[in-house]
Amino acid sequence: MKISGTTYLETNRLFLRPLSVADAPQMFENWASDADSTHFLTWEPHNNLEDVWDNIKIRENKYLLDNFYDWGIVIKGTNTLIGTITVVHQDNRIKMFEIGYVIGKSWWGKGYLPEALDYIVNYLFHATDVRRIARILKIRTTLFLG
């Protein structure tokens, strides 16, 4: 499968970029510690900043891989990290990616997630040879986007 890995991207209002341990305080405060924001994720809300650091350290190592796709969602004007979009599963046999995402509830309903998701889907269809992209939910429902 043609691969490209996580790279810096930019939409009208957002930067989409790899996370670093310096992002841990914003990640913890903005969504990782909130039960409402993490309700549909595969992990429970983090109880402390150390859990977030550990999570990001794992991601930092995975960013070295060409087939790891994971972006922090950052508002341009304020440089606020509000969530993430990640390819959580890849089926290379049928060239399908499953995408998971989270955004802090303070930013729900403002169009940030659809803007980021649309950009990532288009990026993946052009930068890789993926043929199908699915959205993953806690109850593995699938929405085919292409």
N, C-alpha and C. Protein backbone atom coordinates (compact mmCIF):
# COMPACT_ATOMS: atom_id res chain seq x y z
N MET A 1 0.84 -1.18 0.00
CA MET A 1 0.00 0.00 0.00
C MET A 1 0.88 1.24 0.00
N LYS A 2 0.55 2.19 -0.82
CA LYS A 2 1.25 3.48 -0.85
C LYS A 2 1.00 4.19 0.48
N ILE A 3 2.06 4.72 1.10
CA ILE A 3 1.94 5.33 2.42
C ILE A 3 2.60 6.69 2.44
N SER A 4 2.21 7.52 3.40
CA SER A 4 2.81 8.85 3.50
C SER A 4 3.09 9.27 4.93
N GLY A 5 2.40 8.71 5.91
CA GLY A 5 2.61 9.05 7.31
C GLY A 5 2.00 10.40 7.68
N THR A 6 2.14 10.74 8.95
CA THR A 6 1.60 11.99 9.46
C THR A 6 2.47 13.15 9.01
N THR A 7 1.86 14.16 8.47
CA THR A 7 2.58 15.34 8.02
C THR A 7 1.81 16.58 8.47
N TYR A 8 2.44 17.72 8.46
CA TYR A 8 1.78 18.97 8.82
C TYR A 8 0.82 19.37 7.71
N LEU A 9 -0.42 19.68 8.09
CA LEU A 9 -1.44 20.10 7.14
C LEU A 9 -2.11 21.37 7.66
N GLU A 10 -2.78 22.07 6.77
CA GLU A 10 -3.41 23.33 7.15
C GLU A 10 -4.73 23.49 6.41
N THR A 11 -5.78 23.85 7.16
CA THR A 11 -7.07 24.16 6.57
C THR A 11 -7.29 25.66 6.72
N ASN A 12 -8.48 26.13 6.42
CA ASN A 12 -8.76 27.56 6.57
C ASN A 12 -8.56 28.04 8.00
N ARG A 13 -9.04 27.26 8.97
CA ARG A 13 -8.99 27.71 10.36
C ARG A 13 -8.10 26.88 11.26
N LEU A 14 -7.52 25.79 10.73
CA LEU A 14 -6.83 24.83 11.59
C LEU A 14 -5.45 24.45 11.09
N PHE A 15 -4.60 24.09 12.04
CA PHE A 15 -3.38 23.36 11.76
C PHE A 15 -3.65 21.92 12.18
N LEU A 16 -3.23 20.98 11.36
CA LEU A 16 -3.32 19.56 11.69
C LEU A 16 -1.88 19.06 11.74
N ARG A 17 -1.46 18.61 12.92
CA ARG A 17 -0.04 18.32 13.11
C ARG A 17 0.18 17.20 14.12
N PRO A 18 1.38 16.62 14.09
CA PRO A 18 1.71 15.61 15.10
C PRO A 18 1.69 16.23 16.50
N LEU A 19 1.39 15.41 17.49
CA LEU A 19 1.43 15.86 18.88
C LEU A 19 2.84 15.75 19.43
N SER A 20 3.12 16.52 20.48
CA SER A 20 4.37 16.39 21.22
C SER A 20 4.05 16.44 22.71
N VAL A 21 4.98 16.03 23.55
CA VAL A 21 4.72 16.02 25.00
C VAL A 21 4.40 17.43 25.51
N ALA A 22 4.83 18.45 24.81
CA ALA A 22 4.48 19.82 25.21
C ALA A 22 2.98 20.07 25.10
N ASP A 23 2.27 19.22 24.35
CA ASP A 23 0.82 19.36 24.20
C ASP A 23 0.03 18.73 25.35
N ALA A 24 0.70 18.01 26.23
CA ALA A 24 0.01 17.26 27.28
C ALA A 24 -0.94 18.11 28.13
N PRO A 25 -0.54 19.29 28.61
CA PRO A 25 -1.47 20.07 29.44
C PRO A 25 -2.76 20.45 28.69
N GLN A 26 -2.64 20.86 27.42
CA GLN A 26 -3.84 21.21 26.66
C GLN A 26 -4.70 19.98 26.38
N MET A 27 -4.06 18.87 26.04
CA MET A 27 -4.81 17.64 25.78
C MET A 27 -5.58 17.22 27.03
N PHE A 28 -4.92 17.25 28.16
CA PHE A 28 -5.58 16.88 29.42
C PHE A 28 -6.75 17.80 29.72
N GLU A 29 -6.51 19.09 29.65
CA GLU A 29 -7.53 20.09 30.00
C GLU A 29 -8.68 20.13 28.99
N ASN A 30 -8.37 20.04 27.70
CA ASN A 30 -9.37 20.29 26.66
C ASN A 30 -10.24 19.10 26.30
N TRP A 31 -9.76 17.86 26.53
CA TRP A 31 -10.64 16.71 26.26
C TRP A 31 -10.26 15.41 26.96
N ALA A 32 -9.00 15.13 27.18
CA ALA A 32 -8.60 13.81 27.65
C ALA A 32 -9.10 13.47 29.05
N SER A 33 -9.41 14.47 29.85
CA SER A 33 -9.91 14.22 31.21
C SER A 33 -11.43 14.32 31.30
N ASP A 34 -12.09 14.58 30.19
CA ASP A 34 -13.54 14.84 30.18
C ASP A 34 -14.32 13.61 29.72
N ALA A 35 -15.21 13.11 30.56
CA ALA A 35 -15.99 11.91 30.25
C ALA A 35 -16.92 12.13 29.06
N ASP A 36 -17.46 13.33 28.89
CA ASP A 36 -18.34 13.60 27.74
C ASP A 36 -17.56 13.54 26.43
N SER A 37 -16.38 14.15 26.40
CA SER A 37 -15.58 14.18 25.18
C SER A 37 -15.04 12.80 24.82
N THR A 38 -14.72 11.99 25.81
CA THR A 38 -14.10 10.68 25.56
C THR A 38 -15.11 9.54 25.55
N HIS A 39 -16.38 9.86 25.63
CA HIS A 39 -17.43 8.84 25.76
C HIS A 39 -17.35 7.75 24.69
N PHE A 40 -17.07 8.08 23.45
CA PHE A 40 -17.05 7.10 22.36
C PHE A 40 -15.64 6.60 22.02
N LEU A 41 -14.67 6.92 22.85
CA LEU A 41 -13.31 6.46 22.59
C LEU A 41 -13.09 5.07 23.18
N THR A 42 -11.99 4.45 22.80
CA THR A 42 -11.68 3.12 23.32
C THR A 42 -10.98 3.18 24.67
N TRP A 43 -10.66 4.39 25.14
CA TRP A 43 -10.01 4.54 26.43
C TRP A 43 -10.83 5.46 27.34
N GLU A 44 -10.69 5.24 28.61
CA GLU A 44 -11.40 6.04 29.62
C GLU A 44 -10.71 7.40 29.78
N PRO A 45 -11.42 8.39 30.33
CA PRO A 45 -10.78 9.69 30.57
C PRO A 45 -9.53 9.53 31.44
N HIS A 46 -8.53 10.33 31.13
CA HIS A 46 -7.30 10.28 31.91
C HIS A 46 -7.51 11.00 33.24
N ASN A 47 -6.92 10.43 34.29
CA ASN A 47 -7.07 11.00 35.63
C ASN A 47 -5.99 12.00 35.99
N ASN A 48 -4.89 11.99 35.25
CA ASN A 48 -3.79 12.89 35.59
C ASN A 48 -2.94 13.18 34.35
N LEU A 49 -2.12 14.17 34.47
CA LEU A 49 -1.27 14.62 33.37
C LEU A 49 -0.26 13.56 32.95
N GLU A 50 0.20 12.75 33.89
CA GLU A 50 1.19 11.70 33.58
C GLU A 50 0.62 10.70 32.57
N ASP A 51 -0.68 10.37 32.70
CA ASP A 51 -1.31 9.46 31.74
C ASP A 51 -1.28 10.05 30.33
N VAL A 52 -1.50 11.35 30.23
CA VAL A 52 -1.48 12.01 28.93
C VAL A 52 -0.07 12.02 28.37
N TRP A 53 0.92 12.31 29.19
CA TRP A 53 2.31 12.26 28.73
C TRP A 53 2.65 10.88 28.17
N ASP A 54 2.25 9.84 28.90
CA ASP A 54 2.53 8.48 28.44
C ASP A 54 1.87 8.22 27.09
N ASN A 55 0.63 8.68 26.93
CA ASN A 55 -0.10 8.52 25.67
C ASN A 55 0.63 9.22 24.53
N ILE A 56 1.07 10.43 24.77
CA ILE A 56 1.75 11.19 23.71
C ILE A 56 3.13 10.61 23.40
N LYS A 57 3.84 10.12 24.41
CA LYS A 57 5.15 9.51 24.16
C LYS A 57 5.02 8.30 23.23
N ILE A 58 3.98 7.52 23.40
CA ILE A 58 3.73 6.39 22.50
C ILE A 58 3.49 6.91 21.09
N ARG A 59 2.69 7.95 20.96
CA ARG A 59 2.43 8.54 19.65
C ARG A 59 3.71 9.08 19.02
N GLU A 60 4.54 9.75 19.81
CA GLU A 60 5.79 10.31 19.26
C GLU A 60 6.65 9.22 18.63
N ASN A 61 6.72 8.06 19.26
CA ASN A 61 7.48 6.95 18.67
C ASN A 61 6.82 6.44 17.39
N LYS A 62 5.50 6.41 17.37
CA LYS A 62 4.79 5.93 16.18
C LYS A 62 4.90 6.91 15.01
N TYR A 63 5.10 8.20 15.29
CA TYR A 63 5.26 9.18 14.20
C TYR A 63 6.48 8.86 13.32
N LEU A 64 7.39 8.07 13.83
CA LEU A 64 8.56 7.68 13.05
C LEU A 64 8.21 6.66 11.97
N LEU A 65 7.03 6.05 12.08
CA LEU A 65 6.58 5.06 11.11
C LEU A 65 5.86 5.75 9.95
N ASP A 66 6.10 5.28 8.75
CA ASP A 66 5.45 5.86 7.56
C ASP A 66 3.96 5.55 7.47
N ASN A 67 3.50 4.53 8.19
CA ASN A 67 2.10 4.15 8.08
C ASN A 67 1.28 4.53 9.31
N PHE A 68 1.74 5.51 10.08
CA PHE A 68 1.00 6.01 11.24
C PHE A 68 0.42 7.37 10.89
N TYR A 69 -0.89 7.51 11.06
CA TYR A 69 -1.60 8.73 10.70
C TYR A 69 -2.35 9.24 11.93
N ASP A 70 -1.90 10.35 12.48
CA ASP A 70 -2.48 10.86 13.73
C ASP A 70 -2.18 12.36 13.81
N TRP A 71 -3.24 13.16 13.86
CA TRP A 71 -3.06 14.60 13.87
C TRP A 71 -3.73 15.24 15.07
N GLY A 72 -3.03 16.20 15.67
CA GLY A 72 -3.65 17.10 16.63
C GLY A 72 -4.39 18.17 15.84
N ILE A 73 -5.54 18.59 16.34
CA ILE A 73 -6.34 19.64 15.70
C ILE A 73 -6.11 20.92 16.49
N VAL A 74 -5.54 21.92 15.83
CA VAL A 74 -5.13 23.16 16.49
C VAL A 74 -5.80 24.34 15.80
N ILE A 75 -6.45 25.21 16.59
CA ILE A 75 -7.05 26.42 16.04
C ILE A 75 -5.94 27.42 15.72
N LYS A 76 -5.92 27.90 14.48
CA LYS A 76 -4.85 28.80 14.03
C LYS A 76 -4.70 30.06 14.88
N GLY A 77 -5.76 30.79 15.06
CA GLY A 77 -5.66 32.09 15.71
C GLY A 77 -5.21 32.06 17.15
N THR A 78 -5.53 30.97 17.86
CA THR A 78 -5.22 30.90 19.29
C THR A 78 -4.17 29.85 19.61
N ASN A 79 -3.80 29.03 18.62
CA ASN A 79 -2.87 27.92 18.82
C ASN A 79 -3.37 26.95 19.90
N THR A 80 -4.69 26.79 19.98
CA THR A 80 -5.30 25.92 20.97
C THR A 80 -5.50 24.52 20.38
N LEU A 81 -4.98 23.53 21.08
CA LEU A 81 -5.15 22.13 20.70
C LEU A 81 -6.51 21.68 21.21
N ILE A 82 -7.40 21.28 20.29
CA ILE A 82 -8.79 20.97 20.68
C ILE A 82 -9.18 19.52 20.47
N GLY A 83 -8.32 18.70 19.84
CA GLY A 83 -8.68 17.31 19.61
C GLY A 83 -7.68 16.62 18.72
N THR A 84 -8.06 15.40 18.30
CA THR A 84 -7.21 14.62 17.40
C THR A 84 -8.06 13.86 16.38
N ILE A 85 -7.43 13.53 15.28
CA ILE A 85 -7.98 12.63 14.26
C ILE A 85 -6.89 11.59 13.99
N THR A 86 -7.28 10.31 14.02
CA THR A 86 -6.31 9.23 13.91
C THR A 86 -6.84 8.11 13.02
N VAL A 87 -5.99 7.55 12.19
CA VAL A 87 -6.33 6.30 11.51
C VAL A 87 -6.08 5.21 12.56
N VAL A 88 -7.17 4.64 13.07
CA VAL A 88 -7.06 3.70 14.18
C VAL A 88 -6.94 2.25 13.71
N HIS A 89 -7.25 2.00 12.45
CA HIS A 89 -7.12 0.65 11.91
C HIS A 89 -6.88 0.74 10.41
N GLN A 90 -5.99 -0.12 9.92
CA GLN A 90 -5.70 -0.19 8.49
C GLN A 90 -5.87 -1.63 8.03
N ASP A 91 -6.62 -1.82 6.97
CA ASP A 91 -6.74 -3.13 6.34
C ASP A 91 -6.11 -3.00 4.95
N ASN A 92 -4.84 -3.36 4.86
CA ASN A 92 -4.10 -3.19 3.61
C ASN A 92 -4.60 -4.13 2.51
N ARG A 93 -5.21 -5.24 2.90
CA ARG A 93 -5.72 -6.20 1.92
C ARG A 93 -6.79 -5.56 1.05
N ILE A 94 -7.70 -4.81 1.66
CA ILE A 94 -8.76 -4.15 0.89
C ILE A 94 -8.56 -2.64 0.80
N LYS A 95 -7.39 -2.19 1.26
CA LYS A 95 -7.03 -0.76 1.21
C LYS A 95 -8.09 0.12 1.88
N MET A 96 -8.34 -0.17 3.16
CA MET A 96 -9.33 0.57 3.93
C MET A 96 -8.69 1.11 5.21
N PHE A 97 -9.02 2.34 5.55
CA PHE A 97 -8.63 2.96 6.81
C PHE A 97 -9.90 3.20 7.63
N GLU A 98 -9.78 3.04 8.95
CA GLU A 98 -10.83 3.47 9.87
C GLU A 98 -10.30 4.67 10.63
N ILE A 99 -11.12 5.70 10.71
CA ILE A 99 -10.72 6.94 11.36
C ILE A 99 -11.49 7.11 12.67
N GLY A 100 -10.76 7.47 13.71
CA GLY A 100 -11.35 7.84 14.98
C GLY A 100 -10.99 9.28 15.28
N TYR A 101 -11.81 9.96 16.04
CA TYR A 101 -11.54 11.35 16.34
C TYR A 101 -12.17 11.75 17.66
N VAL A 102 -11.66 12.83 18.21
CA VAL A 102 -12.20 13.39 19.45
C VAL A 102 -11.95 14.89 19.40
N ILE A 103 -12.89 15.61 19.97
CA ILE A 103 -12.74 17.07 20.08
C ILE A 103 -13.35 17.47 21.41
N GLY A 104 -12.71 18.42 22.08
CA GLY A 104 -13.22 18.90 23.36
C GLY A 104 -14.60 19.52 23.21
N LYS A 105 -15.47 19.30 24.21
CA LYS A 105 -16.86 19.74 24.07
C LYS A 105 -17.01 21.26 24.00
N SER A 106 -16.02 22.00 24.43
CA SER A 106 -16.10 23.46 24.29
C SER A 106 -16.10 23.89 22.83
N TRP A 107 -15.68 23.00 21.94
CA TRP A 107 -15.59 23.32 20.51
C TRP A 107 -16.62 22.56 19.67
N TRP A 108 -17.52 21.83 20.33
CA TRP A 108 -18.58 21.14 19.61
C TRP A 108 -19.48 22.15 18.92
N GLY A 109 -19.96 21.83 17.75
CA GLY A 109 -20.93 22.67 17.05
C GLY A 109 -20.36 23.90 16.37
N LYS A 110 -19.06 24.01 16.30
CA LYS A 110 -18.43 25.18 15.67
C LYS A 110 -17.84 24.87 14.30
N GLY A 111 -18.01 23.64 13.84
CA GLY A 111 -17.56 23.25 12.51
C GLY A 111 -16.10 22.86 12.41
N TYR A 112 -15.38 22.82 13.53
CA TYR A 112 -13.96 22.47 13.47
C TYR A 112 -13.74 21.01 13.08
N LEU A 113 -14.49 20.11 13.69
CA LEU A 113 -14.29 18.70 13.38
C LEU A 113 -14.65 18.36 11.93
N PRO A 114 -15.80 18.80 11.41
CA PRO A 114 -16.06 18.52 10.00
C PRO A 114 -14.99 19.10 9.07
N GLU A 115 -14.48 20.27 9.39
CA GLU A 115 -13.43 20.89 8.57
C GLU A 115 -12.17 20.02 8.57
N ALA A 116 -11.76 19.58 9.76
CA ALA A 116 -10.56 18.74 9.87
C ALA A 116 -10.78 17.38 9.23
N LEU A 117 -11.91 16.77 9.48
CA LEU A 117 -12.19 15.43 8.95
C LEU A 117 -12.25 15.44 7.43
N ASP A 118 -12.92 16.42 6.85
CA ASP A 118 -13.00 16.53 5.40
C ASP A 118 -11.61 16.67 4.80
N TYR A 119 -10.77 17.50 5.43
CA TYR A 119 -9.42 17.70 4.91
C TYR A 119 -8.59 16.42 5.00
N ILE A 120 -8.67 15.74 6.13
CA ILE A 120 -7.91 14.50 6.33
C ILE A 120 -8.36 13.43 5.34
N VAL A 121 -9.66 13.28 5.15
CA VAL A 121 -10.16 12.28 4.21
C VAL A 121 -9.63 12.57 2.80
N ASN A 122 -9.73 13.81 2.37
CA ASN A 122 -9.20 14.17 1.05
C ASN A 122 -7.69 13.94 0.96
N TYR A 123 -6.98 14.31 2.01
CA TYR A 123 -5.53 14.09 2.04
C TYR A 123 -5.21 12.60 1.89
N LEU A 124 -5.88 11.75 2.66
CA LEU A 124 -5.60 10.32 2.62
C LEU A 124 -5.91 9.72 1.25
N PHE A 125 -7.00 10.16 0.63
CA PHE A 125 -7.32 9.64 -0.70
C PHE A 125 -6.29 10.07 -1.75
N HIS A 126 -5.66 11.21 -1.56
CA HIS A 126 -4.67 11.69 -2.53
C HIS A 126 -3.24 11.25 -2.20
N ALA A 127 -2.90 11.14 -0.93
CA ALA A 127 -1.52 10.84 -0.53
C ALA A 127 -1.25 9.35 -0.38
N THR A 128 -2.30 8.55 -0.30
CA THR A 128 -2.13 7.10 -0.18
C THR A 128 -2.98 6.44 -1.27
N ASP A 129 -2.93 5.12 -1.33
CA ASP A 129 -3.80 4.45 -2.29
C ASP A 129 -4.99 3.78 -1.61
N VAL A 130 -5.39 4.33 -0.48
CA VAL A 130 -6.58 3.84 0.22
C VAL A 130 -7.80 3.97 -0.71
N ARG A 131 -8.70 3.01 -0.64
CA ARG A 131 -9.90 3.03 -1.48
C ARG A 131 -11.17 3.27 -0.68
N ARG A 132 -11.10 3.04 0.63
CA ARG A 132 -12.28 3.19 1.47
C ARG A 132 -11.85 3.75 2.81
N ILE A 133 -12.60 4.70 3.31
CA ILE A 133 -12.33 5.26 4.63
C ILE A 133 -13.62 5.14 5.43
N ALA A 134 -13.48 4.59 6.62
CA ALA A 134 -14.63 4.38 7.50
C ALA A 134 -14.43 5.17 8.78
N ARG A 135 -15.53 5.57 9.37
CA ARG A 135 -15.50 6.26 10.66
C ARG A 135 -15.78 5.21 11.72
N ILE A 136 -14.97 5.21 12.77
CA ILE A 136 -15.17 4.23 13.82
C ILE A 136 -15.85 4.87 15.01
N LEU A 137 -16.81 4.17 15.55
CA LEU A 137 -17.48 4.58 16.77
C LEU A 137 -17.32 3.46 17.79
N LYS A 138 -17.71 3.74 19.02
CA LYS A 138 -17.59 2.72 20.05
C LYS A 138 -18.33 1.45 19.65
N ILE A 139 -19.48 1.60 19.03
CA ILE A 139 -20.21 0.45 18.48
C ILE A 139 -19.83 0.40 17.01
N ARG A 140 -18.83 -0.12 16.63
CA ARG A 140 -18.25 -0.22 15.30
C ARG A 140 -19.21 -0.01 14.13
N THR A 141 -19.93 1.09 14.11
CA THR A 141 -20.72 1.43 12.94
C THR A 141 -19.78 2.06 11.93
N THR A 142 -20.12 1.90 10.68
CA THR A 142 -19.22 2.36 9.63
C THR A 142 -19.94 3.28 8.66
N LEU A 143 -19.31 4.35 8.33
CA LEU A 143 -19.81 5.28 7.31
C LEU A 143 -18.77 5.30 6.21
N PHE A 144 -19.13 4.89 5.03
CA PHE A 144 -18.18 4.89 3.93
C PHE A 144 -18.17 6.27 3.28
N LEU A 145 -17.00 6.83 3.22
CA LEU A 145 -16.86 8.19 2.71
C LEU A 145 -16.34 8.22 1.29
N GLY A 146 -15.93 7.11 0.76
CA GLY A 146 -15.41 7.14 -0.59
C GLY A 146 -15.27 5.76 -1.16
